[in-house]
């Protein structure tokens, strides 16, 4: 058996570091899980288009989670009492949207929901 070369040693070191970084990111993602969905009766959807989620919120689907519907929804969003983050978290809490992939904390998804609410309110005038 030959002695490992410097290149083989460096390659192994890089693989170990990348693996450890991946593990720490995985642990961090697990720590940011907002809502426990163990009590869900039906399987939540892995993904719901942001426009659909906004329509559900506007129609009062998440009233039990503190997101009122219709005109109160619009007023609450304009005043800042209702946020895109709260809408996404309400969908997860209501077992409509799965948090399996961390949807409740996905900044891009929350940003899309924010834009959809703004468009929805703008177009409903």
PDB file of N, CA and C in Angstrom:
ATOM      1  N   UNK A   1       0.840  -1.168   0.000  1.00  0.00           N
ATOM      2  CA  UNK A   1       0.000   0.000   0.000  1.00  0.00           C
ATOM      3  C   UNK A   1       0.890   1.238   0.000  1.00  0.00           C
ATOM      4  N   UNK A   2       0.580   2.178  -0.900  1.00  0.00           N
ATOM      5  CA  UNK A   2       1.412   3.373  -1.007  1.00  0.00           C
ATOM      6  C   UNK A   2       0.924   4.463  -0.061  1.00  0.00           C
ATOM      7  N   UNK A   3       1.816   5.350   0.210  1.00  0.00           N
ATOM      8  CA  UNK A   3       1.531   6.474   1.086  1.00  0.00           C
ATOM      9  C   UNK A   3       0.624   7.471   0.352  1.00  0.00           C
ATOM     10  N   UNK A   4      -0.400   8.042   1.035  1.00  0.00           N
ATOM     11  CA  UNK A   4      -1.272   9.008   0.356  1.00  0.00           C
ATOM     12  C   UNK A   4      -0.490  10.253  -0.070  1.00  0.00           C
ATOM     13  N   UNK A   5      -0.835  10.770  -1.228  1.00  0.00           N
ATOM     14  CA  UNK A   5      -0.187  11.977  -1.727  1.00  0.00           C
ATOM     15  C   UNK A   5      -0.834  13.201  -1.084  1.00  0.00           C
ATOM     16  N   UNK A   6      -0.161  14.340  -1.233  1.00  0.00           N
ATOM     17  CA  UNK A   6      -0.710  15.582  -0.701  1.00  0.00           C
ATOM     18  C   UNK A   6      -2.055  15.903  -1.357  1.00  0.00           C
ATOM     19  N   UNK A   7      -2.183  15.626  -2.645  1.00  0.00           N
ATOM     20  CA  UNK A   7      -3.424  15.907  -3.359  1.00  0.00           C
ATOM     21  C   UNK A   7      -4.560  15.046  -2.813  1.00  0.00           C
ATOM     22  N   UNK A   8      -4.290  13.771  -2.566  1.00  0.00           N
ATOM     23  CA  UNK A   8      -5.313  12.884  -2.005  1.00  0.00           C
ATOM     24  C   UNK A   8      -5.713  13.351  -0.607  1.00  0.00           C
ATOM     25  N   UNK A   9      -4.736  13.754   0.182  1.00  0.00           N
ATOM     26  CA  UNK A   9      -5.013  14.238   1.539  1.00  0.00           C
ATOM     27  C   UNK A   9      -5.856  15.513   1.490  1.00  0.00           C
ATOM     28  N   UNK A  10      -5.493  16.457   0.619  1.00  0.00           N
ATOM     29  CA  UNK A  10      -6.254  17.700   0.495  1.00  0.00           C
ATOM     30  C   UNK A  10      -7.670  17.435   0.000  1.00  0.00           C
ATOM     31  N   UNK A  11      -7.791  16.520  -0.930  1.00  0.00           N
ATOM     32  CA  UNK A  11      -9.118  16.168  -1.443  1.00  0.00           C
ATOM     33  C   UNK A  11      -9.996  15.612  -0.334  1.00  0.00           C
ATOM     34  N   UNK A  12      -9.423  14.741   0.465  1.00  0.00           N
ATOM     35  CA  UNK A  12     -10.161  14.164   1.584  1.00  0.00           C
ATOM     36  C   UNK A  12     -10.542  15.249   2.594  1.00  0.00           C
ATOM     37  N   UNK A  13      -9.627  16.161   2.866  1.00  0.00           N
ATOM     38  CA  UNK A  13      -9.901  17.249   3.813  1.00  0.00           C
ATOM     39  C   UNK A  13     -11.033  18.134   3.310  1.00  0.00           C
ATOM     40  N   UNK A  14     -11.035  18.436   2.017  1.00  0.00           N
ATOM     41  CA  UNK A  14     -12.095  19.260   1.430  1.00  0.00           C
ATOM     42  C   UNK A  14     -13.440  18.547   1.550  1.00  0.00           C
ATOM     43  N   UNK A  15     -13.477  17.270   1.274  1.00  0.00           N
ATOM     44  CA  UNK A  15     -14.719  16.491   1.370  1.00  0.00           C
ATOM     45  C   UNK A  15     -15.246  16.499   2.802  1.00  0.00           C
ATOM     46  N   UNK A  16     -14.364  16.334   3.767  1.00  0.00           N
ATOM     47  CA  UNK A  16     -14.772  16.342   5.178  1.00  0.00           C
ATOM     48  C   UNK A  16     -15.353  17.702   5.554  1.00  0.00           C
ATOM     49  N   UNK A  17     -14.672  18.788   5.154  1.00  0.00           N
ATOM     50  CA  UNK A  17     -15.155  20.137   5.484  1.00  0.00           C
ATOM     51  C   UNK A  17     -16.513  20.389   4.844  1.00  0.00           C
ATOM     52  N   UNK A  18     -16.672  20.030   3.581  1.00  0.00           N
ATOM     53  CA  UNK A  18     -17.951  20.231   2.889  1.00  0.00           C
ATOM     54  C   UNK A  18     -19.045  19.415   3.571  1.00  0.00           C
ATOM     55  N   UNK A  19     -18.735  18.208   3.952  1.00  0.00           N
ATOM     56  CA  UNK A  19     -19.716  17.371   4.651  1.00  0.00           C
ATOM     57  C   UNK A  19     -20.138  18.001   5.961  1.00  0.00           C
ATOM     58  N   UNK A  20     -19.173  18.498   6.719  1.00  0.00           N
ATOM     59  CA  UNK A  20     -19.492  19.135   8.004  1.00  0.00           C
ATOM     60  C   UNK A  20     -20.322  20.394   7.806  1.00  0.00           C
ATOM     61  N   UNK A  21     -20.032  21.177   6.765  1.00  0.00           N
ATOM     62  CA  UNK A  21     -20.825  22.374   6.487  1.00  0.00           C
ATOM     63  C   UNK A  21     -22.256  21.985   6.133  1.00  0.00           C
ATOM     64  N   UNK A  22     -22.412  20.943   5.357  1.00  0.00           N
ATOM     65  CA  UNK A  22     -23.747  20.460   4.995  1.00  0.00           C
ATOM     66  C   UNK A  22     -24.529  20.019   6.209  1.00  0.00           C
ATOM     67  N   UNK A  23     -23.880  19.356   7.131  1.00  0.00           N
ATOM     68  CA  UNK A  23     -24.541  18.890   8.353  1.00  0.00           C
ATOM     69  C   UNK A  23     -24.973  20.092   9.192  1.00  0.00           C
ATOM     70  N   UNK A  24     -24.098  21.088   9.329  1.00  0.00           N
ATOM     71  CA  UNK A  24     -24.468  22.250  10.147  1.00  0.00           C
ATOM     72  C   UNK A  24     -25.609  23.022   9.506  1.00  0.00           C
ATOM     73  N   UNK A  25     -25.646  23.109   8.167  1.00  0.00           N
ATOM     74  CA  UNK A  25     -26.762  23.775   7.491  1.00  0.00           C
ATOM     75  C   UNK A  25     -28.054  23.005   7.710  1.00  0.00           C
ATOM     76  N   UNK A  26     -27.958  21.681   7.677  1.00  0.00           N
ATOM     77  CA  UNK A  26     -29.132  20.840   7.902  1.00  0.00           C
ATOM     78  C   UNK A  26     -29.664  21.035   9.314  1.00  0.00           C
ATOM     79  N   UNK A  27     -28.773  21.073  10.278  1.00  0.00           N
ATOM     80  CA  UNK A  27     -29.176  21.285  11.669  1.00  0.00           C
ATOM     81  C   UNK A  27     -29.797  22.662  11.813  1.00  0.00           C
ATOM     82  N   UNK A  28     -29.196  23.675  11.189  1.00  0.00           N
ATOM     83  CA  UNK A  28     -29.731  25.033  11.255  1.00  0.00           C
ATOM     84  C   UNK A  28     -31.132  25.080  10.661  1.00  0.00           C
ATOM     85  N   UNK A  29     -31.337  24.434   9.516  1.00  0.00           N
ATOM     86  CA  UNK A  29     -32.654  24.408   8.891  1.00  0.00           C
ATOM     87  C   UNK A  29     -33.673  23.728   9.788  1.00  0.00           C
ATOM     88  N   UNK A  30     -33.272  22.671  10.465  1.00  0.00           N
ATOM     89  CA  UNK A  30     -34.189  21.987  11.364  1.00  0.00           C
ATOM     90  C   UNK A  30     -34.540  22.857  12.562  1.00  0.00           C
ATOM     91  N   UNK A  31     -33.621  23.683  13.009  1.00  0.00           N
ATOM     92  CA  UNK A  31     -33.868  24.548  14.152  1.00  0.00           C
ATOM     93  C   UNK A  31     -34.824  25.677  13.811  1.00  0.00           C
ATOM     94  N   UNK A  32     -34.935  26.078  12.524  1.00  0.00           N
ATOM     95  CA  UNK A  32     -35.796  27.181  12.147  1.00  0.00           C
ATOM     96  C   UNK A  32     -37.211  26.725  11.816  1.00  0.00           C
ATOM     97  N   UNK A  33     -37.509  25.440  11.972  1.00  0.00           N
ATOM     98  CA  UNK A  33     -38.859  24.961  11.729  1.00  0.00           C
ATOM     99  C   UNK A  33     -39.801  25.670  12.683  1.00  0.00           C
ATOM    100  N   UNK A  34     -40.825  26.299  12.127  1.00  0.00           N
ATOM    101  CA  UNK A  34     -41.702  27.162  12.904  1.00  0.00           C
ATOM    102  C   UNK A  34     -42.867  26.402  13.511  1.00  0.00           C
ATOM    103  N   UNK A  35     -43.431  25.468  12.768  1.00  0.00           N
ATOM    104  CA  UNK A  35     -44.675  24.834  13.184  1.00  0.00           C
ATOM    105  C   UNK A  35     -44.548  23.318  13.137  1.00  0.00           C
ATOM    106  N   UNK A  36     -45.044  22.656  14.160  1.00  0.00           N
ATOM    107  CA  UNK A  36     -45.086  21.196  14.198  1.00  0.00           C
ATOM    108  C   UNK A  36     -46.357  20.733  13.496  1.00  0.00           C
ATOM    109  N   UNK A  37     -46.216  19.887  12.503  1.00  0.00           N
ATOM    110  CA  UNK A  37     -47.369  19.416  11.746  1.00  0.00           C
ATOM    111  C   UNK A  37     -47.734  17.976  12.080  1.00  0.00           C
ATOM    112  N   UNK A  38     -47.289  17.490  13.219  1.00  0.00           N
ATOM    113  CA  UNK A  38     -47.565  16.103  13.604  1.00  0.00           C
ATOM    114  C   UNK A  38     -49.054  15.844  13.781  1.00  0.00           C
ATOM    115  N   UNK A  39     -49.822  16.861  14.146  1.00  0.00           N
ATOM    116  CA  UNK A  39     -51.256  16.683  14.391  1.00  0.00           C
ATOM    117  C   UNK A  39     -52.134  16.832  13.159  1.00  0.00           C
ATOM    118  N   UNK A  40     -51.548  16.977  11.992  1.00  0.00           N
ATOM    119  CA  UNK A  40     -52.339  17.148  10.771  1.00  0.00           C
ATOM    120  C   UNK A  40     -53.125  15.883  10.466  1.00  0.00           C
ATOM    121  N   UNK A  41     -54.395  16.061  10.121  1.00  0.00           N
ATOM    122  CA  UNK A  41     -55.259  14.933   9.775  1.00  0.00           C
ATOM    123  C   UNK A  41     -54.979  14.479   8.344  1.00  0.00           C
ATOM    124  N   UNK A  42     -54.779  15.430   7.457  1.00  0.00           N
ATOM    125  CA  UNK A  42     -54.462  15.082   6.063  1.00  0.00           C
ATOM    126  C   UNK A  42     -53.070  15.599   5.714  1.00  0.00           C
ATOM    127  N   UNK A  43     -52.505  15.060   4.685  1.00  0.00           N
ATOM    128  CA  UNK A  43     -51.153  15.424   4.258  1.00  0.00           C
ATOM    129  C   UNK A  43     -51.162  16.824   3.641  1.00  0.00           C
ATOM    130  N   UNK A  44     -50.404  17.774   4.212  1.00  0.00           N
ATOM    131  CA  UNK A  44     -50.329  19.121   3.626  1.00  0.00           C
ATOM    132  C   UNK A  44     -49.651  19.084   2.259  1.00  0.00           C
ATOM    133  N   UNK A  45     -49.940  20.059   1.435  1.00  0.00           N
ATOM    134  CA  UNK A  45     -49.331  20.164   0.107  1.00  0.00           C
ATOM    135  C   UNK A  45     -47.878  20.598   0.244  1.00  0.00           C
ATOM    136  N   UNK A  46     -47.003  19.993  -0.528  1.00  0.00           N
ATOM    137  CA  UNK A  46     -45.583  20.347  -0.481  1.00  0.00           C
ATOM    138  C   UNK A  46     -45.352  21.760  -1.012  1.00  0.00           C
ATOM    139  N   UNK A  47     -46.174  22.175  -1.976  1.00  0.00           N
ATOM    140  CA  UNK A  47     -46.034  23.515  -2.561  1.00  0.00           C
ATOM    141  C   UNK A  47     -47.400  24.014  -2.993  1.00  0.00           C
ATOM    142  N   UNK A  48     -47.663  25.260  -2.721  1.00  0.00           N
ATOM    143  CA  UNK A  48     -48.871  25.931  -3.195  1.00  0.00           C
ATOM    144  C   UNK A  48     -48.404  27.214  -3.866  1.00  0.00           C
ATOM    145  N   UNK A  49     -48.793  27.459  -5.107  1.00  0.00           N
ATOM    146  CA  UNK A  49     -48.386  28.716  -5.755  1.00  0.00           C
ATOM    147  C   UNK A  49     -48.785  29.911  -4.885  1.00  0.00           C
ATOM    148  N   UNK A  50     -47.931  30.917  -4.859  1.00  0.00           N
ATOM    149  CA  UNK A  50     -48.152  32.057  -3.965  1.00  0.00           C
ATOM    150  C   UNK A  50     -49.487  32.754  -4.237  1.00  0.00           C
ATOM    151  N   UNK A  51     -49.885  32.848  -5.482  1.00  0.00           N
ATOM    152  CA  UNK A  51     -51.166  33.476  -5.811  1.00  0.00           C
ATOM    153  C   UNK A  51     -52.341  32.691  -5.254  1.00  0.00           C
ATOM    154  N   UNK A  52     -52.245  31.380  -5.288  1.00  0.00           N
ATOM    155  CA  UNK A  52     -53.290  30.523  -4.732  1.00  0.00           C
ATOM    156  C   UNK A  52     -53.344  30.677  -3.221  1.00  0.00           C
ATOM    157  N   UNK A  53     -52.192  30.735  -2.590  1.00  0.00           N
ATOM    158  CA  UNK A  53     -52.133  30.901  -1.139  1.00  0.00           C
ATOM    159  C   UNK A  53     -52.778  32.223  -0.719  1.00  0.00           C
ATOM    160  N   UNK A  54     -52.516  33.282  -1.467  1.00  0.00           N
ATOM    161  CA  UNK A  54     -53.107  34.584  -1.171  1.00  0.00           C
ATOM    162  C   UNK A  54     -54.629  34.531  -1.338  1.00  0.00           C
ATOM    163  N   UNK A  55     -55.096  33.870  -2.391  1.00  0.00           N
ATOM    164  CA  UNK A  55     -56.544  33.753  -2.607  1.00  0.00           C
ATOM    165  C   UNK A  55     -57.199  32.993  -1.453  1.00  0.00           C
ATOM    166  N   UNK A  56     -56.551  31.930  -0.986  1.00  0.00           N
ATOM    167  CA  UNK A  56     -57.077  31.176   0.163  1.00  0.00           C
ATOM    168  C   UNK A  56     -57.135  32.059   1.407  1.00  0.00           C
ATOM    169  N   UNK A  57     -56.074  32.826   1.624  1.00  0.00           N
ATOM    170  CA  UNK A  57     -56.038  33.717   2.788  1.00  0.00           C
ATOM    171  C   UNK A  57     -57.139  34.770   2.688  1.00  0.00           C
ATOM    172  N   UNK A  58     -57.282  35.360   1.521  1.00  0.00           N
ATOM    173  CA  UNK A  58     -58.303  36.400   1.328  1.00  0.00           C
ATOM    174  C   UNK A  58     -59.713  35.848   1.578  1.00  0.00           C
ATOM    175  N   UNK A  59     -59.938  34.615   1.205  1.00  0.00           N
ATOM    176  CA  UNK A  59     -61.266  33.994   1.371  1.00  0.00           C
ATOM    177  C   UNK A  59     -61.507  33.486   2.795  1.00  0.00           C
ATOM    178  N   UNK A  60     -60.569  33.731   3.696  1.00  0.00           N
ATOM    179  CA  UNK A  60     -60.778  33.387   5.087  1.00  0.00           C
ATOM    180  C   UNK A  60     -60.377  31.975   5.482  1.00  0.00           C
ATOM    181  N   UNK A  61     -59.606  31.304   4.650  1.00  0.00           N
ATOM    182  CA  UNK A  61     -59.192  29.928   4.921  1.00  0.00           C
ATOM    183  C   UNK A  61     -58.376  29.815   6.211  1.00  0.00           C
ATOM    184  N   UNK A  62     -57.694  30.886   6.603  1.00  0.00           N
ATOM    185  CA  UNK A  62     -56.806  30.835   7.764  1.00  0.00           C
ATOM    186  C   UNK A  62     -57.328  31.681   8.931  1.00  0.00           C
ATOM    187  N   UNK A  63     -58.631  31.818   8.992  1.00  0.00           N
ATOM    188  CA  UNK A  63     -59.254  32.616  10.053  1.00  0.00           C
ATOM    189  C   UNK A  63     -58.909  32.071  11.441  1.00  0.00           C
ATOM    190  N   UNK A  64     -58.946  30.751  11.584  1.00  0.00           N
ATOM    191  CA  UNK A  64     -58.613  30.134  12.877  1.00  0.00           C
ATOM    192  C   UNK A  64     -57.161  30.368  13.278  1.00  0.00           C
ATOM    193  N   UNK A  65     -56.310  30.667  12.311  1.00  0.00           N
ATOM    194  CA  UNK A  65     -54.897  30.925  12.581  1.00  0.00           C
ATOM    195  C   UNK A  65     -54.628  32.426  12.735  1.00  0.00           C
ATOM    196  N   UNK A  66     -55.690  33.237  12.761  1.00  0.00           N
ATOM    197  CA  UNK A  66     -55.540  34.671  13.001  1.00  0.00           C
ATOM    198  C   UNK A  66     -55.450  35.539  11.763  1.00  0.00           C
ATOM    199  N   UNK A  67     -55.745  34.969  10.588  1.00  0.00           N
ATOM    200  CA  UNK A  67     -55.733  35.752   9.349  1.00  0.00           C
ATOM    201  C   UNK A  67     -57.187  35.919   8.894  1.00  0.00           C
ATOM    202  N   UNK A  68     -57.784  37.076   9.147  1.00  0.00           N
ATOM    203  CA  UNK A  68     -59.182  37.273   8.739  1.00  0.00           C
ATOM    204  C   UNK A  68     -59.297  37.397   7.223  1.00  0.00           C
ATOM    205  N   UNK A  69     -60.486  37.220   6.717  1.00  0.00           N
ATOM    206  CA  UNK A  69     -60.696  37.266   5.281  1.00  0.00           C
ATOM    207  C   UNK A  69     -61.303  38.572   4.795  1.00  0.00           C
ATOM    208  N   UNK A  70     -61.381  38.674   3.487  1.00  0.00           N
ATOM    209  CA  UNK A  70     -62.056  39.734   2.750  1.00  0.00           C
ATOM    210  C   UNK A  70     -61.559  41.126   3.113  1.00  0.00           C
ATOM    211  N   UNK A  71     -62.429  42.073   3.363  1.00  0.00           N
ATOM    212  CA  UNK A  71     -62.008  43.460   3.594  1.00  0.00           C
ATOM    213  C   UNK A  71     -61.095  43.592   4.814  1.00  0.00           C
ATOM    214  N   UNK A  72     -61.333  42.779   5.831  1.00  0.00           N
ATOM    215  CA  UNK A  72     -60.488  42.834   7.029  1.00  0.00           C
ATOM    216  C   UNK A  72     -59.074  42.359   6.678  1.00  0.00           C
ATOM    217  N   UNK A  73     -58.971  41.402   5.776  1.00  0.00           N
ATOM    218  CA  UNK A  73     -57.663  40.934   5.297  1.00  0.00           C
ATOM    219  C   UNK A  73     -56.911  42.090   4.639  1.00  0.00           C
ATOM    220  N   UNK A  74     -57.596  42.775   3.729  1.00  0.00           N
ATOM    221  CA  UNK A  74     -56.977  43.887   3.001  1.00  0.00           C
ATOM    222  C   UNK A  74     -56.539  44.992   3.961  1.00  0.00           C
ATOM    223  N   UNK A  75     -57.420  45.356   4.866  1.00  0.00           N
ATOM    224  CA  UNK A  75     -57.094  46.390   5.851  1.00  0.00           C
ATOM    225  C   UNK A  75     -55.935  45.952   6.748  1.00  0.00           C
ATOM    226  N   UNK A  76     -55.965  44.710   7.196  1.00  0.00           N
ATOM    227  CA  UNK A  76     -54.902  44.181   8.052  1.00  0.00           C
ATOM    228  C   UNK A  76     -53.563  44.155   7.365  1.00  0.00           C
ATOM    229  N   UNK A  77     -53.564  43.821   6.080  1.00  0.00           N
ATOM    230  CA  UNK A  77     -52.293  43.795   5.342  1.00  0.00           C
ATOM    231  C   UNK A  77     -51.755  45.208   5.173  1.00  0.00           C
ATOM    232  N   UNK A  78     -52.633  46.138   4.814  1.00  0.00           N
ATOM    233  CA  UNK A  78     -52.194  47.528   4.626  1.00  0.00           C
ATOM    234  C   UNK A  78     -51.657  48.125   5.916  1.00  0.00           C
ATOM    235  N   UNK A  79     -52.231  47.732   7.059  1.00  0.00           N
ATOM    236  CA  UNK A  79     -51.794  48.276   8.350  1.00  0.00           C
ATOM    237  C   UNK A  79     -50.560  47.559   8.907  1.00  0.00           C
ATOM    238  N   UNK A  80     -50.196  46.424   8.312  1.00  0.00           N
ATOM    239  CA  UNK A  80     -49.038  45.675   8.774  1.00  0.00           C
ATOM    240  C   UNK A  80     -49.353  44.602   9.802  1.00  0.00           C
ATOM    241  N   UNK A  81     -50.633  44.488  10.176  1.00  0.00           N
ATOM    242  CA  UNK A  81     -51.012  43.439  11.126  1.00  0.00           C
ATOM    243  C   UNK A  81     -50.943  42.057  10.487  1.00  0.00           C
ATOM    244  N   UNK A  82     -51.178  42.000   9.199  1.00  0.00           N
ATOM    245  CA  UNK A  82     -51.055  40.751   8.438  1.00  0.00           C
ATOM    246  C   UNK A  82     -49.848  40.906   7.527  1.00  0.00           C
ATOM    247  N   UNK A  83     -48.944  39.943   7.587  1.00  0.00           N
ATOM    248  CA  UNK A  83     -47.753  39.962   6.747  1.00  0.00           C
ATOM    249  C   UNK A  83     -47.703  38.681   5.921  1.00  0.00           C
ATOM    250  N   UNK A  84     -46.867  38.698   4.900  1.00  0.00           N
ATOM    251  CA  UNK A  84     -46.680  37.497   4.083  1.00  0.00           C
ATOM    252  C   UNK A  84     -46.168  36.355   4.950  1.00  0.00           C
ATOM    253  N   UNK A  85     -45.269  36.649   5.867  1.00  0.00           N
ATOM    254  CA  UNK A  85     -44.726  35.632   6.779  1.00  0.00           C
ATOM    255  C   UNK A  85     -45.853  35.002   7.589  1.00  0.00           C
ATOM    256  N   UNK A  86     -46.759  35.824   8.107  1.00  0.00           N
ATOM    257  CA  UNK A  86     -47.876  35.312   8.906  1.00  0.00           C
ATOM    258  C   UNK A  86     -48.817  34.464   8.057  1.00  0.00           C
ATOM    259  N   UNK A  87     -49.008  34.840   6.801  1.00  0.00           N
ATOM    260  CA  UNK A  87     -49.875  34.066   5.908  1.00  0.00           C
ATOM    261  C   UNK A  87     -49.281  32.679   5.681  1.00  0.00           C
ATOM    262  N   UNK A  88     -47.988  32.632   5.393  1.00  0.00           N
ATOM    263  CA  UNK A  88     -47.319  31.349   5.153  1.00  0.00           C
ATOM    264  C   UNK A  88     -47.357  30.493   6.422  1.00  0.00           C
ATOM    265  N   UNK A  89     -47.066  31.091   7.558  1.00  0.00           N
ATOM    266  CA  UNK A  89     -47.105  30.347   8.816  1.00  0.00           C
ATOM    267  C   UNK A  89     -48.520  29.847   9.117  1.00  0.00           C
ATOM    268  N   UNK A  90     -49.529  30.657   8.793  1.00  0.00           N
ATOM    269  CA  UNK A  90     -50.918  30.237   8.998  1.00  0.00           C
ATOM    270  C   UNK A  90     -51.254  29.041   8.116  1.00  0.00           C
ATOM    271  N   UNK A  91     -50.767  29.051   6.878  1.00  0.00           N
ATOM    272  CA  UNK A  91     -51.015  27.937   5.964  1.00  0.00           C
ATOM    273  C   UNK A  91     -50.366  26.655   6.480  1.00  0.00           C
ATOM    274  N   UNK A  92     -49.188  26.786   7.057  1.00  0.00           N
ATOM    275  CA  UNK A  92     -48.501  25.630   7.639  1.00  0.00           C
ATOM    276  C   UNK A  92     -49.271  25.147   8.869  1.00  0.00           C
ATOM    277  N   UNK A  93     -49.673  26.080   9.728  1.00  0.00           N
ATOM    278  CA  UNK A  93     -50.420  25.730  10.940  1.00  0.00           C
ATOM    279  C   UNK A  93     -51.754  25.056  10.615  1.00  0.00           C
ATOM    280  N   UNK A  94     -52.367  25.484   9.520  1.00  0.00           N
ATOM    281  CA  UNK A  94     -53.663  24.928   9.119  1.00  0.00           C
ATOM    282  C   UNK A  94     -53.512  23.596   8.384  1.00  0.00           C
ATOM    283  N   UNK A  95     -52.289  23.119   8.260  1.00  0.00           N
ATOM    284  CA  UNK A  95     -52.001  21.854   7.560  1.00  0.00           C
ATOM    285  C   UNK A  95     -52.396  21.904   6.090  1.00  0.00           C
ATOM    286  N   UNK A  96     -52.319  23.094   5.521  1.00  0.00           N
ATOM    287  CA  UNK A  96     -52.581  23.263   4.091  1.00  0.00           C
ATOM    288  C   UNK A  96     -51.263  23.188   3.330  1.00  0.00           C
ATOM    289  N   UNK A  97     -50.228  23.834   3.863  1.00  0.00           N
ATOM    290  CA  UNK A  97     -48.903  23.878   3.258  1.00  0.00           C
ATOM    291  C   UNK A  97     -47.923  23.112   4.146  1.00  0.00           C
ATOM    292  N   UNK A  98     -47.194  22.203   3.545  1.00  0.00           N
ATOM    293  CA  UNK A  98     -46.212  21.421   4.301  1.00  0.00           C
ATOM    294  C   UNK A  98     -45.004  22.281   4.659  1.00  0.00           C
ATOM    295  N   UNK A  99     -44.454  22.023   5.816  1.00  0.00           N
ATOM    296  CA  UNK A  99     -43.211  22.679   6.205  1.00  0.00           C
ATOM    297  C   UNK A  99     -42.037  21.706   6.112  1.00  0.00           C
ATOM    298  N   UNK A 100     -42.255  20.607   5.411  1.00  0.00           N
ATOM    299  CA  UNK A 100     -41.221  19.580   5.267  1.00  0.00           C
ATOM    300  C   UNK A 100     -39.928  20.164   4.697  1.00  0.00           C
ATOM    301  N   UNK A 101     -40.058  21.109   3.774  1.00  0.00           N
ATOM    302  CA  UNK A 101     -38.886  21.717   3.149  1.00  0.00           C
ATOM    303  C   UNK A 101     -38.641  23.134   3.678  1.00  0.00           C
ATOM    304  N   UNK A 102     -39.213  23.440   4.847  1.00  0.00           N
ATOM    305  CA  UNK A 102     -38.980  24.746   5.472  1.00  0.00           C
ATOM    306  C   UNK A 102     -39.694  25.891   4.790  1.00  0.00           C
ATOM    307  N   UNK A 103     -40.846  25.633   4.198  1.00  0.00           N
ATOM    308  CA  UNK A 103     -41.569  26.682   3.481  1.00  0.00           C
ATOM    309  C   UNK A 103     -41.894  27.883   4.362  1.00  0.00           C
ATOM    310  N   UNK A 104     -42.105  27.653   5.641  1.00  0.00           N
ATOM    311  CA  UNK A 104     -42.468  28.749   6.544  1.00  0.00           C
ATOM    312  C   UNK A 104     -41.336  29.761   6.714  1.00  0.00           C
ATOM    313  N   UNK A 105     -40.146  29.403   6.317  1.00  0.00           N
ATOM    314  CA  UNK A 105     -39.011  30.318   6.449  1.00  0.00           C
ATOM    315  C   UNK A 105     -38.287  30.573   5.128  1.00  0.00           C
ATOM    316  N   UNK A 106     -38.849  30.103   4.020  1.00  0.00           N
ATOM    317  CA  UNK A 106     -38.235  30.326   2.706  1.00  0.00           C
ATOM    318  C   UNK A 106     -38.432  31.783   2.288  1.00  0.00           C
ATOM    319  N   UNK A 107     -37.367  32.572   2.320  1.00  0.00           N
ATOM    320  CA  UNK A 107     -37.471  34.003   2.032  1.00  0.00           C
ATOM    321  C   UNK A 107     -38.017  34.288   0.640  1.00  0.00           C
ATOM    322  N   UNK A 108     -37.617  33.507  -0.363  1.00  0.00           N
ATOM    323  CA  UNK A 108     -38.105  33.741  -1.725  1.00  0.00           C
ATOM    324  C   UNK A 108     -39.604  33.489  -1.823  1.00  0.00           C
ATOM    325  N   UNK A 109     -40.062  32.443  -1.180  1.00  0.00           N
ATOM    326  CA  UNK A 109     -41.491  32.123  -1.206  1.00  0.00           C
ATOM    327  C   UNK A 109     -42.289  33.205  -0.478  1.00  0.00           C
ATOM    328  N   UNK A 110     -41.804  33.626   0.670  1.00  0.00           N
ATOM    329  CA  UNK A 110     -42.487  34.670   1.440  1.00  0.00           C
ATOM    330  C   UNK A 110     -42.515  35.971   0.635  1.00  0.00           C
ATOM    331  N   UNK A 111     -41.439  36.271  -0.049  1.00  0.00           N
ATOM    332  CA  UNK A 111     -41.378  37.462  -0.910  1.00  0.00           C
ATOM    333  C   UNK A 111     -42.397  37.369  -2.041  1.00  0.00           C
ATOM    334  N   UNK A 112     -42.537  36.182  -2.630  1.00  0.00           N
ATOM    335  CA  UNK A 112     -43.536  35.973  -3.684  1.00  0.00           C
ATOM    336  C   UNK A 112     -44.945  36.185  -3.142  1.00  0.00           C
ATOM    337  N   UNK A 113     -45.205  35.683  -1.939  1.00  0.00           N
ATOM    338  CA  UNK A 113     -46.520  35.877  -1.313  1.00  0.00           C
ATOM    339  C   UNK A 113     -46.767  37.374  -1.094  1.00  0.00           C
ATOM    340  N   UNK A 114     -45.754  38.077  -0.623  1.00  0.00           N
ATOM    341  CA  UNK A 114     -45.846  39.529  -0.410  1.00  0.00           C
ATOM    342  C   UNK A 114     -46.245  40.233  -1.710  1.00  0.00           C
ATOM    343  N   UNK A 115     -45.564  39.913  -2.790  1.00  0.00           N
ATOM    344  CA  UNK A 115     -45.853  40.535  -4.082  1.00  0.00           C
ATOM    345  C   UNK A 115     -47.266  40.191  -4.564  1.00  0.00           C
ATOM    346  N   UNK A 116     -47.670  38.950  -4.354  1.00  0.00           N
ATOM    347  CA  UNK A 116     -49.006  38.534  -4.782  1.00  0.00           C
ATOM    348  C   UNK A 116     -50.104  39.258  -4.002  1.00  0.00           C
ATOM    349  N   UNK A 117     -49.892  39.453  -2.697  1.00  0.00           N
ATOM    350  CA  UNK A 117     -50.882  40.193  -1.902  1.00  0.00           C
ATOM    351  C   UNK A 117     -50.965  41.626  -2.413  1.00  0.00           C
ATOM    352  N   UNK A 118     -49.828  42.248  -2.660  1.00  0.00           N
ATOM    353  CA  UNK A 118     -49.825  43.626  -3.153  1.00  0.00           C
ATOM    354  C   UNK A 118     -50.535  43.733  -4.494  1.00  0.00           C
ATOM    355  N   UNK A 119     -50.277  42.792  -5.401  1.00  0.00           N
ATOM    356  CA  UNK A 119     -50.963  42.783  -6.695  1.00  0.00           C
ATOM    357  C   UNK A 119     -52.460  42.556  -6.516  1.00  0.00           C
ATOM    358  N   UNK A 120     -52.808  41.642  -5.637  1.00  0.00           N
ATOM    359  CA  UNK A 120     -54.205  41.319  -5.377  1.00  0.00           C
ATOM    360  C   UNK A 120     -54.954  42.559  -4.878  1.00  0.00           C
ATOM    361  N   UNK A 121     -54.364  43.260  -3.923  1.00  0.00           N
ATOM    362  CA  UNK A 121     -54.999  44.464  -3.360  1.00  0.00           C
ATOM    363  C   UNK A 121     -55.080  45.561  -4.421  1.00  0.00           C
ATOM    364  N   UNK A 122     -54.021  45.726  -5.185  1.00  0.00           N
ATOM    365  CA  UNK A 122     -53.986  46.741  -6.243  1.00  0.00           C
ATOM    366  C   UNK A 122     -55.060  46.468  -7.296  1.00  0.00           C
ATOM    367  N   UNK A 123     -55.230  45.198  -7.672  1.00  0.00           N
ATOM    368  CA  UNK A 123     -56.199  44.855  -8.717  1.00  0.00           C
ATOM    369  C   UNK A 123     -57.632  44.813  -8.217  1.00  0.00           C
ATOM    370  N   UNK A 124     -57.822  44.805  -6.904  1.00  0.00           N
ATOM    371  CA  UNK A 124     -59.187  44.713  -6.376  1.00  0.00           C
ATOM    372  C   UNK A 124     -59.800  46.083  -6.105  1.00  0.00           C
ATOM    373  N   UNK A 125     -59.084  47.140  -6.447  1.00  0.00           N
ATOM    374  CA  UNK A 125     -59.596  48.501  -6.209  1.00  0.00           C
ATOM    375  C   UNK A 125     -60.697  48.841  -7.194  1.00  0.00           C
TER     376      UNK A 125
END
